[in-house]
Amino acid sequence: MTVEDRVKRVIGNHFDLDPEMIKVTSELEVLGADSLDLIELLMALEEEFRIELPDNDEICHIATVKDVVRMVKDHLSHQGVTA
């Protein structure tokens, strides 16, 4: 399973959506995410990937599923974790 697939699964679980219906271009706000949801989603992603994601200005620039995938991939590579 790819990083993108795993991110979509976590998002689907978090927002009670079918991961197959989530597109990489989907906007998190359209999926139902507010700022609290985004923080909870990041915590779920940290658990899924066993990484530590930022809780700073970087998360303010996350708008789409693609942004989330990119952030996870960046942190996986920086932390030397294999997806």
N, C-alpha and C. Protein backbone atom coordinates (compact mmCIF):
# COMPACT_ATOMS: atom_id res chain seq x y z
N MET A 1 0.85 -1.18 0.00
CA MET A 1 0.00 0.00 0.00
C MET A 1 0.89 1.24 0.00
N THR A 2 0.60 2.19 -0.88
CA THR A 2 1.41 3.40 -1.01
C THR A 2 1.12 4.38 0.12
N VAL A 3 1.98 5.37 0.25
CA VAL A 3 1.76 6.43 1.24
C VAL A 3 0.43 7.12 0.93
N GLU A 4 0.19 7.40 -0.33
CA GLU A 4 -1.06 8.05 -0.72
C GLU A 4 -2.27 7.21 -0.30
N ASP A 5 -2.23 5.92 -0.55
CA ASP A 5 -3.34 5.04 -0.16
C ASP A 5 -3.55 5.05 1.34
N ARG A 6 -2.46 5.00 2.08
CA ARG A 6 -2.56 4.99 3.55
C ARG A 6 -3.11 6.31 4.06
N VAL A 7 -2.68 7.42 3.47
CA VAL A 7 -3.20 8.73 3.88
C VAL A 7 -4.70 8.79 3.58
N LYS A 8 -5.10 8.35 2.41
CA LYS A 8 -6.53 8.35 2.06
C LYS A 8 -7.34 7.48 3.02
N ARG A 9 -6.77 6.35 3.43
CA ARG A 9 -7.46 5.47 4.37
C ARG A 9 -7.65 6.17 5.72
N VAL A 10 -6.60 6.83 6.20
CA VAL A 10 -6.69 7.54 7.48
C VAL A 10 -7.72 8.67 7.38
N ILE A 11 -7.68 9.42 6.27
CA ILE A 11 -8.65 10.50 6.08
C ILE A 11 -10.06 9.92 6.01
N GLY A 12 -10.22 8.84 5.27
CA GLY A 12 -11.53 8.19 5.16
C GLY A 12 -12.06 7.75 6.52
N ASN A 13 -11.20 7.14 7.31
CA ASN A 13 -11.61 6.72 8.65
C ASN A 13 -11.98 7.91 9.52
N HIS A 14 -11.20 8.96 9.42
CA HIS A 14 -11.41 10.14 10.26
C HIS A 14 -12.71 10.86 9.93
N PHE A 15 -13.04 10.93 8.64
CA PHE A 15 -14.23 11.65 8.21
C PHE A 15 -15.38 10.74 7.77
N ASP A 16 -15.24 9.45 8.06
CA ASP A 16 -16.26 8.46 7.72
C ASP A 16 -16.61 8.52 6.22
N LEU A 17 -15.54 8.45 5.41
CA LEU A 17 -15.69 8.48 3.96
C LEU A 17 -15.04 7.24 3.36
N ASP A 18 -15.49 6.86 2.18
CA ASP A 18 -14.88 5.76 1.45
C ASP A 18 -13.55 6.24 0.87
N PRO A 19 -12.42 5.66 1.28
CA PRO A 19 -11.12 6.09 0.77
C PRO A 19 -11.02 6.08 -0.76
N GLU A 20 -11.78 5.20 -1.40
CA GLU A 20 -11.76 5.13 -2.86
C GLU A 20 -12.37 6.38 -3.50
N MET A 21 -13.20 7.08 -2.75
CA MET A 21 -13.85 8.28 -3.28
C MET A 21 -13.02 9.55 -3.04
N ILE A 22 -11.95 9.43 -2.26
CA ILE A 22 -11.10 10.58 -1.94
C ILE A 22 -10.05 10.73 -3.05
N LYS A 23 -10.02 11.89 -3.63
CA LYS A 23 -9.05 12.20 -4.68
C LYS A 23 -7.87 12.95 -4.07
N VAL A 24 -6.72 12.86 -4.69
CA VAL A 24 -5.54 13.57 -4.21
C VAL A 24 -5.77 15.08 -4.28
N THR A 25 -6.65 15.51 -5.16
CA THR A 25 -6.96 16.93 -5.30
C THR A 25 -8.08 17.40 -4.37
N SER A 26 -8.66 16.47 -3.62
CA SER A 26 -9.75 16.84 -2.71
C SER A 26 -9.26 17.83 -1.67
N GLU A 27 -10.06 18.87 -1.45
CA GLU A 27 -9.74 19.85 -0.42
C GLU A 27 -10.25 19.33 0.92
N LEU A 28 -9.42 19.46 1.93
CA LEU A 28 -9.79 18.96 3.25
C LEU A 28 -11.03 19.66 3.79
N GLU A 29 -11.16 20.94 3.51
CA GLU A 29 -12.33 21.68 3.97
C GLU A 29 -13.61 21.11 3.36
N VAL A 30 -13.55 20.75 2.08
CA VAL A 30 -14.71 20.17 1.41
C VAL A 30 -15.05 18.80 2.00
N LEU A 31 -14.02 18.09 2.47
CA LEU A 31 -14.24 16.78 3.10
C LEU A 31 -14.81 16.93 4.52
N GLY A 32 -14.83 18.15 5.01
CA GLY A 32 -15.42 18.39 6.33
C GLY A 32 -14.45 18.78 7.41
N ALA A 33 -13.21 19.10 7.05
CA ALA A 33 -12.18 19.38 8.05
C ALA A 33 -12.21 20.84 8.49
N ASP A 34 -12.22 21.03 9.81
CA ASP A 34 -11.96 22.35 10.36
C ASP A 34 -10.60 22.28 11.05
N SER A 35 -10.19 23.33 11.72
CA SER A 35 -8.84 23.35 12.30
C SER A 35 -8.63 22.26 13.34
N LEU A 36 -9.64 21.97 14.14
CA LEU A 36 -9.53 20.90 15.14
C LEU A 36 -9.43 19.54 14.46
N ASP A 37 -10.22 19.34 13.42
CA ASP A 37 -10.15 18.09 12.67
C ASP A 37 -8.77 17.88 12.08
N LEU A 38 -8.17 18.96 11.60
CA LEU A 38 -6.83 18.86 11.00
C LEU A 38 -5.81 18.40 12.02
N ILE A 39 -5.88 18.94 13.22
CA ILE A 39 -4.97 18.52 14.29
C ILE A 39 -5.18 17.06 14.63
N GLU A 40 -6.44 16.64 14.75
CA GLU A 40 -6.74 15.23 15.04
C GLU A 40 -6.28 14.33 13.91
N LEU A 41 -6.44 14.79 12.67
CA LEU A 41 -5.99 14.02 11.51
C LEU A 41 -4.47 13.85 11.54
N LEU A 42 -3.76 14.90 11.86
CA LEU A 42 -2.30 14.81 11.94
C LEU A 42 -1.87 13.83 13.02
N MET A 43 -2.58 13.81 14.13
CA MET A 43 -2.27 12.85 15.19
C MET A 43 -2.51 11.42 14.71
N ALA A 44 -3.58 11.21 13.95
CA ALA A 44 -3.86 9.88 13.41
C ALA A 44 -2.79 9.47 12.39
N LEU A 45 -2.32 10.43 11.61
CA LEU A 45 -1.26 10.14 10.64
C LEU A 45 0.06 9.82 11.34
N GLU A 46 0.34 10.52 12.43
CA GLU A 46 1.55 10.23 13.21
C GLU A 46 1.51 8.80 13.72
N GLU A 47 0.35 8.37 14.17
CA GLU A 47 0.20 7.01 14.66
C GLU A 47 0.34 6.00 13.52
N GLU A 48 -0.30 6.28 12.40
CA GLU A 48 -0.25 5.37 11.24
C GLU A 48 1.17 5.18 10.72
N PHE A 49 1.91 6.29 10.62
CA PHE A 49 3.23 6.23 10.01
C PHE A 49 4.37 6.20 11.02
N ARG A 50 4.02 6.31 12.30
CA ARG A 50 5.03 6.32 13.37
C ARG A 50 6.08 7.39 13.13
N ILE A 51 5.59 8.59 12.86
CA ILE A 51 6.45 9.75 12.66
C ILE A 51 5.93 10.89 13.52
N GLU A 52 6.71 11.94 13.59
CA GLU A 52 6.31 13.13 14.32
C GLU A 52 6.12 14.26 13.31
N LEU A 53 4.88 14.72 13.19
CA LEU A 53 4.57 15.79 12.26
C LEU A 53 4.59 17.12 12.99
N PRO A 54 4.78 18.21 12.25
CA PRO A 54 4.88 19.52 12.88
C PRO A 54 3.55 20.00 13.43
N ASP A 55 3.63 20.79 14.45
CA ASP A 55 2.42 21.45 14.94
C ASP A 55 2.67 22.95 14.93
N ASN A 56 3.21 23.40 13.79
CA ASN A 56 3.55 24.81 13.62
C ASN A 56 2.89 25.37 12.38
N ASP A 57 3.50 26.41 11.81
CA ASP A 57 2.94 27.09 10.64
C ASP A 57 2.78 26.19 9.43
N GLU A 58 3.54 25.11 9.36
CA GLU A 58 3.47 24.22 8.19
C GLU A 58 2.06 23.66 8.01
N ILE A 59 1.38 23.36 9.09
CA ILE A 59 0.05 22.77 8.95
C ILE A 59 -0.98 23.80 8.47
N CYS A 60 -0.69 25.07 8.61
CA CYS A 60 -1.61 26.10 8.12
C CYS A 60 -1.69 26.13 6.60
N HIS A 61 -0.69 25.55 5.95
CA HIS A 61 -0.63 25.56 4.49
C HIS A 61 -1.15 24.26 3.88
N ILE A 62 -1.74 23.42 4.69
CA ILE A 62 -2.29 22.16 4.20
C ILE A 62 -3.74 22.39 3.80
N ALA A 63 -4.03 22.22 2.51
CA ALA A 63 -5.39 22.45 2.03
C ALA A 63 -5.98 21.23 1.33
N THR A 64 -5.11 20.40 0.73
CA THR A 64 -5.59 19.26 -0.05
C THR A 64 -4.99 17.95 0.46
N VAL A 65 -5.54 16.87 -0.03
CA VAL A 65 -4.99 15.55 0.29
C VAL A 65 -3.55 15.47 -0.21
N LYS A 66 -3.28 16.05 -1.37
CA LYS A 66 -1.93 16.05 -1.93
C LYS A 66 -0.95 16.74 -0.97
N ASP A 67 -1.38 17.83 -0.34
CA ASP A 67 -0.53 18.52 0.63
C ASP A 67 -0.20 17.60 1.80
N VAL A 68 -1.18 16.84 2.25
CA VAL A 68 -0.97 15.92 3.36
C VAL A 68 0.01 14.82 2.95
N VAL A 69 -0.18 14.25 1.78
CA VAL A 69 0.70 13.19 1.28
C VAL A 69 2.12 13.71 1.18
N ARG A 70 2.29 14.90 0.62
CA ARG A 70 3.62 15.49 0.47
C ARG A 70 4.28 15.70 1.84
N MET A 71 3.51 16.21 2.80
CA MET A 71 4.06 16.44 4.13
C MET A 71 4.49 15.12 4.79
N VAL A 72 3.66 14.10 4.67
CA VAL A 72 4.01 12.80 5.26
C VAL A 72 5.26 12.24 4.59
N LYS A 73 5.32 12.28 3.27
CA LYS A 73 6.50 11.78 2.55
C LYS A 73 7.76 12.54 2.96
N ASP A 74 7.66 13.86 3.07
CA ASP A 74 8.81 14.66 3.48
C ASP A 74 9.29 14.26 4.87
N HIS A 75 8.37 14.06 5.79
CA HIS A 75 8.76 13.71 7.15
C HIS A 75 9.25 12.27 7.25
N LEU A 76 8.72 11.40 6.43
CA LEU A 76 9.24 10.03 6.40
C LEU A 76 10.69 10.04 5.94
N SER A 77 10.99 10.80 4.90
CA SER A 77 12.36 10.82 4.40
C SER A 77 13.31 11.51 5.38
N HIS A 78 12.85 12.59 6.02
CA HIS A 78 13.70 13.30 6.97
C HIS A 78 13.97 12.49 8.24
N GLN A 79 13.01 11.65 8.60
CA GLN A 79 13.18 10.86 9.82
C GLN A 79 13.73 9.48 9.53
N GLY A 80 14.03 9.21 8.27
CA GLY A 80 14.63 7.94 7.90
C GLY A 80 13.71 6.75 8.08
N VAL A 81 12.40 6.99 8.00
CA VAL A 81 11.42 5.93 8.17
C VAL A 81 11.02 5.43 6.79
N THR A 82 10.90 4.14 6.66
CA THR A 82 10.46 3.53 5.42
C THR A 82 8.97 3.32 5.47
N ALA A 83 8.27 3.80 4.44
CA ALA A 83 6.82 3.63 4.39
C ALA A 83 6.56 2.24 4.07
